[in-house]
N, C-alpha and C. Protein backbone atom coordinates (compact mmCIF):
# COMPACT_ATOMS: atom_id res chain seq x y z
N MET A 1 69.43 84.74 109.16
CA MET A 1 69.94 86.14 109.19
C MET A 1 68.82 87.08 108.63
N ASN A 2 68.01 86.62 107.68
CA ASN A 2 66.95 87.44 107.17
C ASN A 2 65.95 87.76 108.30
N ARG A 3 65.73 86.80 109.20
CA ARG A 3 64.70 87.01 110.22
C ARG A 3 65.34 88.15 111.23
N ARG A 4 66.61 87.95 111.48
CA ARG A 4 67.18 89.01 112.43
C ARG A 4 67.19 90.36 111.78
N ILE A 5 67.46 90.46 110.56
CA ILE A 5 67.31 91.74 109.79
C ILE A 5 65.97 92.25 109.88
N ALA A 6 64.95 91.49 109.61
CA ALA A 6 63.56 91.88 109.64
C ALA A 6 63.08 92.26 111.01
N ASN A 7 63.60 91.66 112.09
CA ASN A 7 63.35 92.08 113.38
C ASN A 7 63.96 93.40 113.88
N GLY A 8 64.85 93.92 112.99
CA GLY A 8 65.45 95.21 113.33
C GLY A 8 66.70 95.14 114.17
N GLU A 9 67.24 93.88 114.27
CA GLU A 9 68.41 93.67 115.17
C GLU A 9 69.59 94.58 114.73
N PHE A 10 69.67 94.83 113.41
CA PHE A 10 70.82 95.59 112.86
C PHE A 10 70.56 96.96 112.50
N GLY A 11 69.46 97.52 113.07
CA GLY A 11 68.99 98.91 112.83
C GLY A 11 68.20 99.13 111.58
N ASN A 12 67.72 100.36 111.43
CA ASN A 12 66.97 100.71 110.29
C ASN A 12 67.35 102.13 109.85
N PRO A 13 68.13 102.30 108.86
CA PRO A 13 68.41 101.28 107.82
C PRO A 13 69.52 100.31 108.41
N VAL A 14 69.63 99.18 107.78
CA VAL A 14 70.47 98.03 108.20
C VAL A 14 71.90 98.54 108.15
N ASP A 15 72.60 98.30 109.28
CA ASP A 15 74.01 98.58 109.39
C ASP A 15 74.75 97.28 108.91
N LEU A 16 75.34 97.26 107.74
CA LEU A 16 75.98 96.22 107.16
C LEU A 16 77.21 95.74 107.92
N ASN A 17 77.85 96.64 108.66
CA ASN A 17 78.98 96.24 109.49
C ASN A 17 78.48 95.29 110.62
N LYS A 18 77.33 95.61 111.13
CA LYS A 18 76.72 94.68 112.21
C LYS A 18 76.31 93.33 111.67
N VAL A 19 75.82 93.36 110.43
CA VAL A 19 75.49 92.15 109.79
C VAL A 19 76.66 91.31 109.57
N ASN A 20 77.76 91.87 109.02
CA ASN A 20 78.99 91.22 108.70
C ASN A 20 79.60 90.64 110.03
N ASP A 21 79.50 91.34 111.08
CA ASP A 21 80.02 90.86 112.34
C ASP A 21 79.25 89.69 112.85
N ALA A 22 77.89 89.70 112.69
CA ALA A 22 77.08 88.59 113.03
C ALA A 22 77.39 87.36 112.17
N TRP A 23 77.63 87.55 110.92
CA TRP A 23 78.03 86.47 110.03
C TRP A 23 79.35 85.83 110.50
N ALA A 24 80.31 86.76 110.90
CA ALA A 24 81.58 86.25 111.34
C ALA A 24 81.53 85.41 112.61
N VAL A 25 80.65 85.79 113.49
CA VAL A 25 80.52 85.04 114.78
C VAL A 25 79.83 83.66 114.39
N ILE A 26 78.88 83.57 113.52
CA ILE A 26 78.35 82.34 113.06
C ILE A 26 79.36 81.42 112.39
N LEU A 27 80.08 82.04 111.51
CA LEU A 27 81.20 81.27 110.79
C LEU A 27 82.22 80.78 111.72
N GLU A 28 82.67 81.51 112.72
CA GLU A 28 83.68 81.11 113.71
C GLU A 28 83.09 79.97 114.50
N GLU A 29 81.81 80.04 114.93
CA GLU A 29 81.19 78.98 115.72
C GLU A 29 81.09 77.69 114.86
N GLN A 30 80.76 77.77 113.64
CA GLN A 30 80.70 76.60 112.86
C GLN A 30 82.09 75.99 112.63
N VAL A 31 83.04 76.82 112.36
CA VAL A 31 84.45 76.27 112.19
C VAL A 31 84.92 75.65 113.46
N ALA A 32 84.66 76.23 114.59
CA ALA A 32 85.12 75.70 115.87
C ALA A 32 84.47 74.36 116.15
N LYS A 33 83.15 74.19 115.70
CA LYS A 33 82.48 72.91 115.95
C LYS A 33 83.12 71.79 115.00
N SER A 34 83.66 72.17 113.86
CA SER A 34 84.21 71.27 112.92
C SER A 34 85.56 70.77 113.37
N GLY A 35 86.20 71.48 114.36
CA GLY A 35 87.48 71.00 114.86
C GLY A 35 88.68 71.54 113.95
N GLN A 36 88.39 72.23 112.94
CA GLN A 36 89.40 72.83 112.04
C GLN A 36 89.98 74.03 112.58
N PRO A 37 91.28 74.32 112.41
CA PRO A 37 91.87 75.54 112.83
C PRO A 37 91.29 76.80 112.12
N ILE A 38 91.35 77.91 112.76
CA ILE A 38 90.90 79.16 112.11
C ILE A 38 92.18 80.06 111.93
N TYR A 39 92.42 80.46 110.62
CA TYR A 39 93.66 81.19 110.34
C TYR A 39 93.25 82.72 110.26
N HIS A 40 93.97 83.51 110.96
CA HIS A 40 93.72 84.96 111.04
C HIS A 40 94.96 85.70 110.37
N SER A 41 94.61 86.42 109.31
CA SER A 41 95.70 87.12 108.61
C SER A 41 96.38 88.23 109.51
N ILE A 42 97.63 88.33 109.41
CA ILE A 42 98.35 89.39 110.12
C ILE A 42 98.77 90.40 109.03
N SER A 43 99.46 89.88 108.02
CA SER A 43 100.03 90.90 106.97
C SER A 43 100.61 90.03 105.87
N GLY A 44 100.70 90.62 104.70
CA GLY A 44 101.55 90.11 103.66
C GLY A 44 102.96 90.63 103.92
N LEU A 45 103.93 89.98 103.51
CA LEU A 45 105.39 90.40 103.63
C LEU A 45 106.11 90.45 102.29
N TRP A 46 106.80 91.43 102.15
CA TRP A 46 107.53 91.68 100.92
C TRP A 46 109.10 91.67 101.19
N VAL A 47 109.89 91.11 100.28
CA VAL A 47 111.27 91.05 100.45
C VAL A 47 111.86 92.50 100.42
N GLN A 48 112.79 92.68 101.35
CA GLN A 48 113.50 93.90 101.52
C GLN A 48 115.00 93.70 101.20
N ASN A 49 115.54 94.56 100.34
CA ASN A 49 116.94 94.38 99.95
C ASN A 49 117.85 95.39 100.63
N THR A 50 117.41 95.82 101.88
CA THR A 50 118.26 96.84 102.43
C THR A 50 118.53 96.40 103.89
N GLY A 51 119.77 96.67 104.34
CA GLY A 51 120.07 96.44 105.74
C GLY A 51 119.84 94.97 106.23
N LYS A 52 119.49 94.92 107.50
CA LYS A 52 119.25 93.52 108.10
C LYS A 52 117.90 93.06 108.04
N VAL A 53 116.91 93.86 107.48
CA VAL A 53 115.50 93.49 107.34
C VAL A 53 115.37 92.60 106.19
N ALA A 54 114.81 91.41 106.40
CA ALA A 54 114.60 90.35 105.18
C ALA A 54 113.24 90.68 104.61
N PHE A 55 112.20 90.87 105.32
CA PHE A 55 110.92 91.11 104.82
C PHE A 55 110.14 92.20 105.64
N SER A 56 109.21 92.81 105.02
CA SER A 56 108.37 93.86 105.79
C SER A 56 107.03 93.86 105.30
N GLY A 57 106.07 94.34 106.16
CA GLY A 57 104.71 94.48 105.78
C GLY A 57 104.00 95.34 106.79
N ARG A 58 102.71 95.61 106.62
CA ARG A 58 101.96 96.45 107.55
C ARG A 58 100.59 95.81 107.79
N THR A 59 100.02 96.04 108.87
CA THR A 59 98.69 95.54 109.18
C THR A 59 97.76 96.59 108.73
N SER A 60 96.43 96.09 108.42
CA SER A 60 95.50 97.00 107.85
C SER A 60 94.40 97.28 108.97
N GLU A 61 94.54 96.59 110.12
CA GLU A 61 93.65 96.84 111.31
C GLU A 61 94.31 96.37 112.50
N GLU A 62 93.80 96.75 113.68
CA GLU A 62 94.40 96.36 114.99
C GLU A 62 94.24 94.85 115.10
N ILE A 63 95.26 94.17 115.59
CA ILE A 63 95.25 92.70 115.77
C ILE A 63 95.76 92.38 117.17
N ASN A 64 94.90 91.54 117.81
CA ASN A 64 95.26 91.01 119.10
C ASN A 64 95.51 89.52 118.97
N ILE A 65 96.75 89.11 119.22
CA ILE A 65 97.16 87.77 119.12
C ILE A 65 97.23 87.13 120.43
N PRO A 66 96.45 86.05 120.80
CA PRO A 66 96.48 85.52 122.10
C PRO A 66 97.83 84.80 122.42
N MET A 67 98.19 84.87 123.69
CA MET A 67 99.42 84.24 124.08
C MET A 67 99.29 82.69 123.79
N GLY A 68 100.39 82.22 123.26
CA GLY A 68 100.36 80.75 122.90
C GLY A 68 99.91 80.41 121.53
N ALA A 69 99.34 81.44 120.79
CA ALA A 69 98.89 81.15 119.52
C ALA A 69 100.02 80.77 118.56
N LYS A 70 99.73 79.86 117.59
CA LYS A 70 100.76 79.39 116.64
C LYS A 70 100.77 80.53 115.56
N ILE A 71 102.00 80.93 115.12
CA ILE A 71 102.20 81.92 114.02
C ILE A 71 102.78 81.22 112.80
N LEU A 72 102.24 81.33 111.65
CA LEU A 72 102.73 80.70 110.52
C LEU A 72 103.05 81.66 109.44
N CYS A 73 104.02 81.31 108.55
CA CYS A 73 104.37 82.19 107.45
C CYS A 73 104.32 81.37 106.19
N PHE A 74 103.44 81.70 105.31
CA PHE A 74 103.22 80.87 104.05
C PHE A 74 103.91 81.57 102.83
N LYS A 75 104.49 80.68 102.05
CA LYS A 75 105.07 81.14 100.79
C LYS A 75 103.89 81.58 99.81
N ARG A 76 104.06 82.70 99.13
CA ARG A 76 103.01 83.17 98.10
C ARG A 76 103.67 83.14 96.75
N ASP A 77 103.09 82.43 95.86
CA ASP A 77 103.57 82.39 94.45
C ASP A 77 102.46 83.12 93.64
N SER A 78 102.98 84.18 93.00
CA SER A 78 102.13 85.03 92.18
C SER A 78 102.91 85.58 90.98
N ASP A 79 102.23 85.70 89.83
CA ASP A 79 102.85 86.39 88.74
C ASP A 79 102.86 87.87 88.84
N ASN A 80 102.05 88.44 89.79
CA ASN A 80 101.96 89.79 90.09
C ASN A 80 103.19 90.31 90.90
N GLU A 81 104.00 91.05 90.30
CA GLU A 81 105.22 91.47 90.96
C GLU A 81 104.97 92.33 92.21
N ASN A 82 103.79 92.92 92.40
CA ASN A 82 103.45 93.67 93.53
C ASN A 82 102.81 92.85 94.74
N ALA A 83 102.58 91.59 94.45
CA ALA A 83 101.93 90.72 95.47
C ALA A 83 103.02 90.40 96.53
N PRO A 84 102.63 90.13 97.79
CA PRO A 84 103.56 89.81 98.79
C PRO A 84 104.25 88.47 98.54
N ASN A 85 105.44 88.35 99.03
CA ASN A 85 106.21 87.13 98.83
C ASN A 85 105.77 86.12 99.95
N LEU A 86 105.32 86.55 101.12
CA LEU A 86 104.95 85.72 102.21
C LEU A 86 103.52 86.19 102.76
N GLY A 87 102.87 85.28 103.37
CA GLY A 87 101.71 85.66 104.07
C GLY A 87 101.83 85.27 105.59
N LEU A 88 101.66 86.15 106.52
CA LEU A 88 101.82 85.91 107.92
C LEU A 88 100.50 85.74 108.59
N VAL A 89 100.17 84.70 109.34
CA VAL A 89 98.86 84.42 109.97
C VAL A 89 99.17 83.88 111.41
N TRP A 90 98.12 83.99 112.17
CA TRP A 90 98.14 83.33 113.42
C TRP A 90 96.92 82.30 113.41
N VAL A 91 97.14 81.27 114.16
CA VAL A 91 96.16 80.11 114.12
C VAL A 91 95.43 79.94 115.46
N GLU A 92 94.10 79.93 115.31
CA GLU A 92 93.25 79.61 116.47
C GLU A 92 92.82 78.17 116.44
N GLU A 93 93.29 77.32 117.38
CA GLU A 93 92.97 75.92 117.32
C GLU A 93 91.96 75.49 118.36
């Protein structure tokens, strides 16, 4: 990565968003080679005590979930009363 930065691939001054994107690509390639699934966060979910809605949450960025992707909901245990009760993710296998 240092060589790529020195070669000006990420601009001058260096655009850290481009550097982060490049690291993300490298990480995803390495994880894919390992055969391990990649978990992509969708949202935290909080208990709702109103109407028919059991849990709610919001995304922090646009998310594209491929057709056929597995969606999982994890229990979250925290002493922080503001922390989400569940974590919603989609899995890239």
